[in-house]
PDB file of all heavy atoms in Angstrom:
ATOM      1  N   GLY A   1      10.590  58.805  59.250  1.00  0.00           N
ATOM      2  CA  GLY A   1      10.991  59.911  58.384  1.00  0.00           C
ATOM      3  C   GLY A   1      10.214  61.174  58.683  1.00  0.00           C
ATOM      4  O   GLY A   1      10.784  62.270  58.730  1.00  0.00           O
ATOM      5  N   VAL A   2       8.914  61.034  58.915  1.00  0.00           N
ATOM      6  CA  VAL A   2       8.100  62.203  59.253  1.00  0.00           C
ATOM      7  C   VAL A   2       8.512  62.757  60.614  1.00  0.00           C
ATOM      8  O   VAL A   2       8.554  63.979  60.815  1.00  0.00           O
ATOM      9  CB  VAL A   2       6.598  61.846  59.236  1.00  0.00           C
ATOM     10  CG1 VAL A   2       5.762  63.016  59.728  1.00  0.00           C
ATOM     11  CG2 VAL A   2       6.155  61.457  57.831  1.00  0.00           C
ATOM     12  N   ALA A   3       8.848  61.882  61.550  1.00  0.00           N
ATOM     13  CA  ALA A   3       9.300  62.340  62.872  1.00  0.00           C
ATOM     14  C   ALA A   3      10.586  63.154  62.744  1.00  0.00           C
ATOM     15  O   ALA A   3      10.760  64.168  63.433  1.00  0.00           O
ATOM     16  CB  ALA A   3       9.510  61.147  63.795  1.00  0.00           C
ATOM     17  N   ARG A   4      11.486  62.722  61.857  1.00  0.00           N
ATOM     18  CA  ARG A   4      12.714  63.497  61.644  1.00  0.00           C
ATOM     19  C   ARG A   4      12.393  64.842  61.004  1.00  0.00           C
ATOM     20  O   ARG A   4      12.999  65.864  61.347  1.00  0.00           O
ATOM     21  CB  ARG A   4      13.694  62.698  60.785  1.00  0.00           C
ATOM     22  CG  ARG A   4      14.442  61.624  61.564  1.00  0.00           C
ATOM     23  CD  ARG A   4      15.563  61.026  60.744  1.00  0.00           C
ATOM     24  NE  ARG A   4      15.052  60.110  59.736  1.00  0.00           N
ATOM     25  CZ  ARG A   4      14.842  58.813  59.955  1.00  0.00           C
ATOM     26  NH1 ARG A   4      15.099  58.294  61.152  1.00  0.00           N
ATOM     27  NH2 ARG A   4      14.389  58.035  59.002  1.00  0.00           N
ATOM     28  N   LEU A   5      11.437  64.851  60.071  1.00  0.00           N
ATOM     29  CA  LEU A   5      11.032  66.111  59.449  1.00  0.00           C
ATOM     30  C   LEU A   5      10.437  67.048  60.505  1.00  0.00           C
ATOM     31  O   LEU A   5      10.669  68.266  60.468  1.00  0.00           O
ATOM     32  CB  LEU A   5      10.025  65.835  58.329  1.00  0.00           C
ATOM     33  CG  LEU A   5       9.564  67.033  57.493  1.00  0.00           C
ATOM     34  CD1 LEU A   5      10.749  67.739  56.830  1.00  0.00           C
ATOM     35  CD2 LEU A   5       8.548  66.585  56.438  1.00  0.00           C
ATOM     36  N   GLU A   6       9.670  66.509  61.438  1.00  0.00           N
ATOM     37  CA  GLU A   6       9.140  67.321  62.547  1.00  0.00           C
ATOM     38  C   GLU A   6      10.261  67.977  63.332  1.00  0.00           C
ATOM     39  O   GLU A   6      10.200  69.177  63.649  1.00  0.00           O
ATOM     40  CB  GLU A   6       8.331  66.438  63.507  1.00  0.00           C
ATOM     41  CG  GLU A   6       6.961  66.050  63.029  1.00  0.00           C
ATOM     42  CD  GLU A   6       6.157  65.392  64.145  1.00  0.00           C
ATOM     43  OE1 GLU A   6       6.211  65.899  65.292  1.00  0.00           O
ATOM     44  OE2 GLU A   6       5.486  64.382  63.877  1.00  0.00           O
ATOM     45  N   ARG A   7      11.290  67.207  63.647  1.00  0.00           N
ATOM     46  CA  ARG A   7      12.387  67.757  64.436  1.00  0.00           C
ATOM     47  C   ARG A   7      13.114  68.867  63.676  1.00  0.00           C
ATOM     48  O   ARG A   7      13.537  69.863  64.273  1.00  0.00           O
ATOM     49  CB  ARG A   7      13.361  66.642  64.826  1.00  0.00           C
ATOM     50  CG  ARG A   7      12.786  65.673  65.852  1.00  0.00           C
ATOM     51  CD  ARG A   7      13.849  64.797  66.467  1.00  0.00           C
ATOM     52  NE  ARG A   7      14.410  63.847  65.510  1.00  0.00           N
ATOM     53  CZ  ARG A   7      13.908  62.628  65.284  1.00  0.00           C
ATOM     54  NH1 ARG A   7      12.827  62.225  65.925  1.00  0.00           N
ATOM     55  NH2 ARG A   7      14.487  61.812  64.439  1.00  0.00           N
ATOM     56  N   ILE A   8      13.241  68.696  62.366  1.00  0.00           N
ATOM     57  CA  ILE A   8      13.874  69.742  61.557  1.00  0.00           C
ATOM     58  C   ILE A   8      13.060  71.021  61.634  1.00  0.00           C
ATOM     59  O   ILE A   8      13.583  72.112  61.893  1.00  0.00           O
ATOM     60  CB  ILE A   8      14.026  69.279  60.090  1.00  0.00           C
ATOM     61  CG1 ILE A   8      15.017  68.114  59.994  1.00  0.00           C
ATOM     62  CG2 ILE A   8      14.492  70.448  59.216  1.00  0.00           C
ATOM     63  CD1 ILE A   8      15.034  67.431  58.646  1.00  0.00           C
ATOM     64  N   TRP A   9      11.744  70.899  61.439  1.00  0.00           N
ATOM     65  CA  TRP A   9      10.875  72.073  61.470  1.00  0.00           C
ATOM     66  C   TRP A   9      10.905  72.760  62.831  1.00  0.00           C
ATOM     67  O   TRP A   9      10.934  73.987  62.920  1.00  0.00           O
ATOM     68  CB  TRP A   9       9.439  71.678  61.112  1.00  0.00           C
ATOM     69  CG  TRP A   9       9.143  71.789  59.653  1.00  0.00           C
ATOM     70  CD1 TRP A   9       9.160  70.787  58.717  1.00  0.00           C
ATOM     71  CD2 TRP A   9       8.809  72.982  58.935  1.00  0.00           C
ATOM     72  NE1 TRP A   9       8.856  71.277  57.477  1.00  0.00           N
ATOM     73  CE2 TRP A   9       8.625  72.621  57.579  1.00  0.00           C
ATOM     74  CE3 TRP A   9       8.627  74.301  59.306  1.00  0.00           C
ATOM     75  CZ2 TRP A   9       8.286  73.551  56.594  1.00  0.00           C
ATOM     76  CZ3 TRP A   9       8.289  75.237  58.338  1.00  0.00           C
ATOM     77  CH2 TRP A   9       8.121  74.857  56.999  1.00  0.00           C
ATOM     78  N   CYS A  10      10.897  71.974  63.881  1.00  0.00           N
ATOM     79  CA  CYS A  10      10.850  72.556  65.228  1.00  0.00           C
ATOM     80  C   CYS A  10      12.175  73.214  65.612  1.00  0.00           C
ATOM     81  O   CYS A  10      12.221  73.991  66.569  1.00  0.00           O
ATOM     82  CB  CYS A  10      10.456  71.492  66.247  1.00  0.00           C
ATOM     83  SG  CYS A  10       8.732  70.959  66.071  1.00  0.00           S
ATOM     84  N   GLY A  11      13.235  72.922  64.884  1.00  0.00           N
ATOM     85  CA  GLY A  11      14.515  73.559  65.151  1.00  0.00           C
ATOM     86  C   GLY A  11      14.813  74.746  64.266  1.00  0.00           C
ATOM     87  O   GLY A  11      15.839  75.423  64.444  1.00  0.00           O
ATOM     88  N   LEU A  12      13.909  75.034  63.312  1.00  0.00           N
ATOM     89  CA  LEU A  12      14.157  76.129  62.374  1.00  0.00           C
ATOM     90  C   LEU A  12      13.952  77.491  63.023  1.00  0.00           C
ATOM     91  O   LEU A  12      13.043  77.680  63.832  1.00  0.00           O
ATOM     92  CB  LEU A  12      13.223  76.017  61.170  1.00  0.00           C
ATOM     93  CG  LEU A  12      13.547  74.971  60.100  1.00  0.00           C
ATOM     94  CD1 LEU A  12      12.490  75.020  59.001  1.00  0.00           C
ATOM     95  CD2 LEU A  12      14.938  75.180  59.512  1.00  0.00           C
ATOM     96  N   LYS A  13      14.775  78.424  62.610  1.00  0.00           N
ATOM     97  CA  LYS A  13      14.597  79.832  62.957  1.00  0.00           C
ATOM     98  C   LYS A  13      14.445  80.613  61.664  1.00  0.00           C
ATOM     99  O   LYS A  13      14.923  80.198  60.604  1.00  0.00           O
ATOM    100  CB  LYS A  13      15.787  80.355  63.764  1.00  0.00           C
ATOM    101  CG  LYS A  13      15.982  79.667  65.105  1.00  0.00           C
ATOM    102  CD  LYS A  13      17.177  80.245  65.828  1.00  0.00           C
ATOM    103  CE  LYS A  13      17.324  79.632  67.228  1.00  0.00           C
ATOM    104  NZ  LYS A  13      17.523  78.176  67.193  1.00  0.00           N
ATOM    105  N   ARG A  14      13.758  81.757  61.757  1.00  0.00           N
ATOM    106  CA  ARG A  14      13.519  82.565  60.565  1.00  0.00           C
ATOM    107  C   ARG A  14      14.820  82.872  59.831  1.00  0.00           C
ATOM    108  O   ARG A  14      14.895  82.808  58.591  1.00  0.00           O
ATOM    109  CB  ARG A  14      12.822  83.867  60.949  1.00  0.00           C
ATOM    110  CG  ARG A  14      12.560  84.788  59.759  1.00  0.00           C
ATOM    111  CD  ARG A  14      12.006  86.123  60.220  1.00  0.00           C
ATOM    112  NE  ARG A  14      10.719  85.959  60.874  1.00  0.00           N
ATOM    113  CZ  ARG A  14      10.085  86.943  61.529  1.00  0.00           C
ATOM    114  NH1 ARG A  14      10.644  88.131  61.621  1.00  0.00           N
ATOM    115  NH2 ARG A  14       8.912  86.728  62.091  1.00  0.00           N
ATOM    116  N   GLN A  15      15.874  83.179  60.584  1.00  0.00           N
ATOM    117  CA  GLN A  15      17.138  83.551  59.979  1.00  0.00           C
ATOM    118  C   GLN A  15      17.784  82.388  59.238  1.00  0.00           C
ATOM    119  O   GLN A  15      18.597  82.591  58.331  1.00  0.00           O
ATOM    120  CB  GLN A  15      18.094  84.094  61.051  1.00  0.00           C
ATOM    121  CG  GLN A  15      19.327  84.805  60.516  1.00  0.00           C
ATOM    122  CD  GLN A  15      18.998  86.120  59.817  1.00  0.00           C
ATOM    123  OE1 GLN A  15      17.860  86.601  59.882  1.00  0.00           O
ATOM    124  NE2 GLN A  15      19.991  86.689  59.139  1.00  0.00           N
ATOM    125  N   ASP A  16      17.422  81.147  59.598  1.00  0.00           N
ATOM    126  CA  ASP A  16      17.940  79.985  58.883  1.00  0.00           C
ATOM    127  C   ASP A  16      17.420  79.951  57.454  1.00  0.00           C
ATOM    128  O   ASP A  16      18.115  79.490  56.538  1.00  0.00           O
ATOM    129  CB  ASP A  16      17.523  78.683  59.583  1.00  0.00           C
ATOM    130  CG  ASP A  16      18.118  78.542  60.965  1.00  0.00           C
ATOM    131  OD1 ASP A  16      19.221  79.074  61.192  1.00  0.00           O
ATOM    132  OD2 ASP A  16      17.473  77.896  61.820  1.00  0.00           O
ATOM    133  N   VAL A  17      16.190  80.409  57.269  1.00  0.00           N
ATOM    134  CA  VAL A  17      15.526  80.318  55.968  1.00  0.00           C
ATOM    135  C   VAL A  17      15.598  81.635  55.208  1.00  0.00           C
ATOM    136  O   VAL A  17      15.836  81.655  53.989  1.00  0.00           O
ATOM    137  CB  VAL A  17      14.053  79.894  56.153  1.00  0.00           C
ATOM    138  CG1 VAL A  17      13.358  79.755  54.802  1.00  0.00           C
ATOM    139  CG2 VAL A  17      13.966  78.598  56.948  1.00  0.00           C
ATOM    140  N   PHE A  18      15.394  82.744  55.930  1.00  0.00           N
ATOM    141  CA  PHE A  18      15.394  84.075  55.308  1.00  0.00           C
ATOM    142  C   PHE A  18      16.471  84.956  55.945  1.00  0.00           C
ATOM    143  O   PHE A  18      16.160  85.845  56.741  1.00  0.00           O
ATOM    144  CB  PHE A  18      14.024  84.748  55.482  1.00  0.00           C
ATOM    145  CG  PHE A  18      12.894  84.066  54.773  1.00  0.00           C
ATOM    146  CD1 PHE A  18      12.023  83.240  55.467  1.00  0.00           C
ATOM    147  CD2 PHE A  18      12.696  84.250  53.416  1.00  0.00           C
ATOM    148  CE1 PHE A  18      10.967  82.623  54.827  1.00  0.00           C
ATOM    149  CE2 PHE A  18      11.644  83.623  52.757  1.00  0.00           C
ATOM    150  CZ  PHE A  18      10.779  82.808  53.464  1.00  0.00           C
ATOM    151  N   PRO A  19      17.746  84.720  55.636  1.00  0.00           N
ATOM    152  CA  PRO A  19      18.815  85.536  56.229  1.00  0.00           C
ATOM    153  C   PRO A  19      18.881  86.920  55.598  1.00  0.00           C
ATOM    154  O   PRO A  19      19.594  87.147  54.620  1.00  0.00           O
ATOM    155  CB  PRO A  19      20.077  84.715  55.951  1.00  0.00           C
ATOM    156  CG  PRO A  19      19.762  83.938  54.721  1.00  0.00           C
ATOM    157  CD  PRO A  19      18.276  83.662  54.766  1.00  0.00           C
ATOM    158  N   VAL A  20      18.130  87.858  56.148  1.00  0.00           N
ATOM    159  CA  VAL A  20      18.088  89.227  55.631  1.00  0.00           C
ATOM    160  C   VAL A  20      19.098  90.080  56.400  1.00  0.00           C
ATOM    161  O   VAL A  20      19.071  90.129  57.630  1.00  0.00           O
ATOM    162  CB  VAL A  20      16.676  89.832  55.779  1.00  0.00           C
ATOM    163  CG1 VAL A  20      16.653  91.259  55.251  1.00  0.00           C
ATOM    164  CG2 VAL A  20      15.658  88.977  55.024  1.00  0.00           C
ATOM    165  N   THR A  21      19.992  90.725  55.699  1.00  0.00           N
ATOM    166  CA  THR A  21      20.994  91.591  56.322  1.00  0.00           C
ATOM    167  C   THR A  21      20.830  93.019  55.803  1.00  0.00           C
ATOM    168  O   THR A  21      20.223  93.247  54.746  1.00  0.00           O
ATOM    169  CB  THR A  21      22.416  91.114  56.005  1.00  0.00           C
ATOM    170  OG1 THR A  21      22.636  91.208  54.588  1.00  0.00           O
ATOM    171  CG2 THR A  21      22.616  89.664  56.449  1.00  0.00           C
ATOM    172  N   LEU A  22      21.383  93.971  56.548  1.00  0.00           N
ATOM    173  CA  LEU A  22      21.325  95.367  56.117  1.00  0.00           C
ATOM    174  C   LEU A  22      21.991  95.538  54.760  1.00  0.00           C
ATOM    175  O   LEU A  22      21.483  96.250  53.887  1.00  0.00           O
ATOM    176  CB  LEU A  22      21.996  96.264  57.156  1.00  0.00           C
ATOM    177  CG  LEU A  22      22.030  97.760  56.835  1.00  0.00           C
ATOM    178  CD1 LEU A  22      20.617  98.304  56.664  1.00  0.00           C
ATOM    179  CD2 LEU A  22      22.776  98.511  57.931  1.00  0.00           C
ATOM    180  N   ARG A  23      23.112  94.870  54.578  1.00  0.00           N
ATOM    181  CA  ARG A  23      23.821  94.971  53.293  1.00  0.00           C
ATOM    182  C   ARG A  23      22.935  94.482  52.161  1.00  0.00           C
ATOM    183  O   ARG A  23      22.899  95.074  51.084  1.00  0.00           O
ATOM    184  CB  ARG A  23      25.101  94.138  53.358  1.00  0.00           C
ATOM    185  CG  ARG A  23      25.912  94.154  52.071  1.00  0.00           C
ATOM    186  CD  ARG A  23      27.177  93.332  52.231  1.00  0.00           C
ATOM    187  NE  ARG A  23      27.937  93.310  50.990  1.00  0.00           N
ATOM    188  CZ  ARG A  23      29.062  92.626  50.829  1.00  0.00           C
ATOM    189  NH1 ARG A  23      29.562  91.929  51.852  1.00  0.00           N
ATOM    190  NH2 ARG A  23      29.683  92.634  49.675  1.00  0.00           N
ATOM    191  N   ARG A  24      22.202  93.374  52.413  1.00  0.00           N
ATOM    192  CA  ARG A  24      21.317  92.823  51.382  1.00  0.00           C
ATOM    193  C   ARG A  24      20.179  93.800  51.078  1.00  0.00           C
ATOM    194  O   ARG A  24      19.800  94.001  49.919  1.00  0.00           O
ATOM    195  CB  ARG A  24      20.753  91.498  51.874  1.00  0.00           C
ATOM    196  CG  ARG A  24      20.145  90.642  50.794  1.00  0.00           C
ATOM    197  CD  ARG A  24      21.205  89.857  50.079  1.00  0.00           C
ATOM    198  NE  ARG A  24      20.631  89.051  49.006  1.00  0.00           N
ATOM    199  CZ  ARG A  24      21.345  88.272  48.215  1.00  0.00           C
ATOM    200  NH1 ARG A  24      22.648  88.197  48.357  1.00  0.00           N
ATOM    201  NH2 ARG A  24      20.770  87.573  47.264  1.00  0.00           N
ATOM    202  N   MET A  25      19.628  94.410  52.118  1.00  0.00           N
ATOM    203  CA  MET A  25      18.516  95.341  51.923  1.00  0.00           C
ATOM    204  C   MET A  25      18.958  96.569  51.138  1.00  0.00           C
ATOM    205  O   MET A  25      18.256  97.033  50.238  1.00  0.00           O
ATOM    206  CB  MET A  25      17.931  95.746  53.275  1.00  0.00           C
ATOM    207  CG  MET A  25      17.252  94.598  54.015  1.00  0.00           C
ATOM    208  SD  MET A  25      16.672  95.070  55.655  1.00  0.00           S
ATOM    209  CE  MET A  25      15.365  96.215  55.222  1.00  0.00           C
ATOM    210  N   VAL A  26      20.136  97.092  51.461  1.00  0.00           N
ATOM    211  CA  VAL A  26      20.652  98.237  50.717  1.00  0.00           C
ATOM    212  C   VAL A  26      20.920  97.841  49.264  1.00  0.00           C
ATOM    213  O   VAL A  26      20.665  98.603  48.333  1.00  0.00           O
ATOM    214  CB  VAL A  26      21.932  98.775  51.390  1.00  0.00           C
ATOM    215  CG1 VAL A  26      22.591  99.838  50.506  1.00  0.00           C
ATOM    216  CG2 VAL A  26      21.608  99.351  52.753  1.00  0.00           C
ATOM    217  N   GLY A  27      21.397  96.607  49.080  1.00  0.00           N
ATOM    218  CA  GLY A  27      21.715  96.139  47.738  1.00  0.00           C
ATOM    219  C   GLY A  27      20.521  96.058  46.823  1.00  0.00           C
ATOM    220  O   GLY A  27      20.666  96.086  45.593  1.00  0.00           O
ATOM    221  N   VAL A  28      19.318  95.943  47.393  1.00  0.00           N
ATOM    222  CA  VAL A  28      18.115  95.876  46.565  1.00  0.00           C
ATOM    223  C   VAL A  28      17.979  97.110  45.686  1.00  0.00           C
ATOM    224  O   VAL A  28      17.448  97.058  44.573  1.00  0.00           O
ATOM    225  CB  VAL A  28      16.859  95.698  47.461  1.00  0.00           C
ATOM    226  CG1 VAL A  28      15.590  95.883  46.659  1.00  0.00           C
ATOM    227  CG2 VAL A  28      16.873  94.333  48.117  1.00  0.00           C
TER     228      VAL A  28
END
C-alpha cells in the first residue's frame, strides 16, 4: 500500500493539485 502511495506521489504535478487558471485568479 505504501509503495502504491509512493507511485501516486511521484506521478503528481502541481496542476493536478492546484489547478490555477487566469479566470480563477480574476474571479478572486
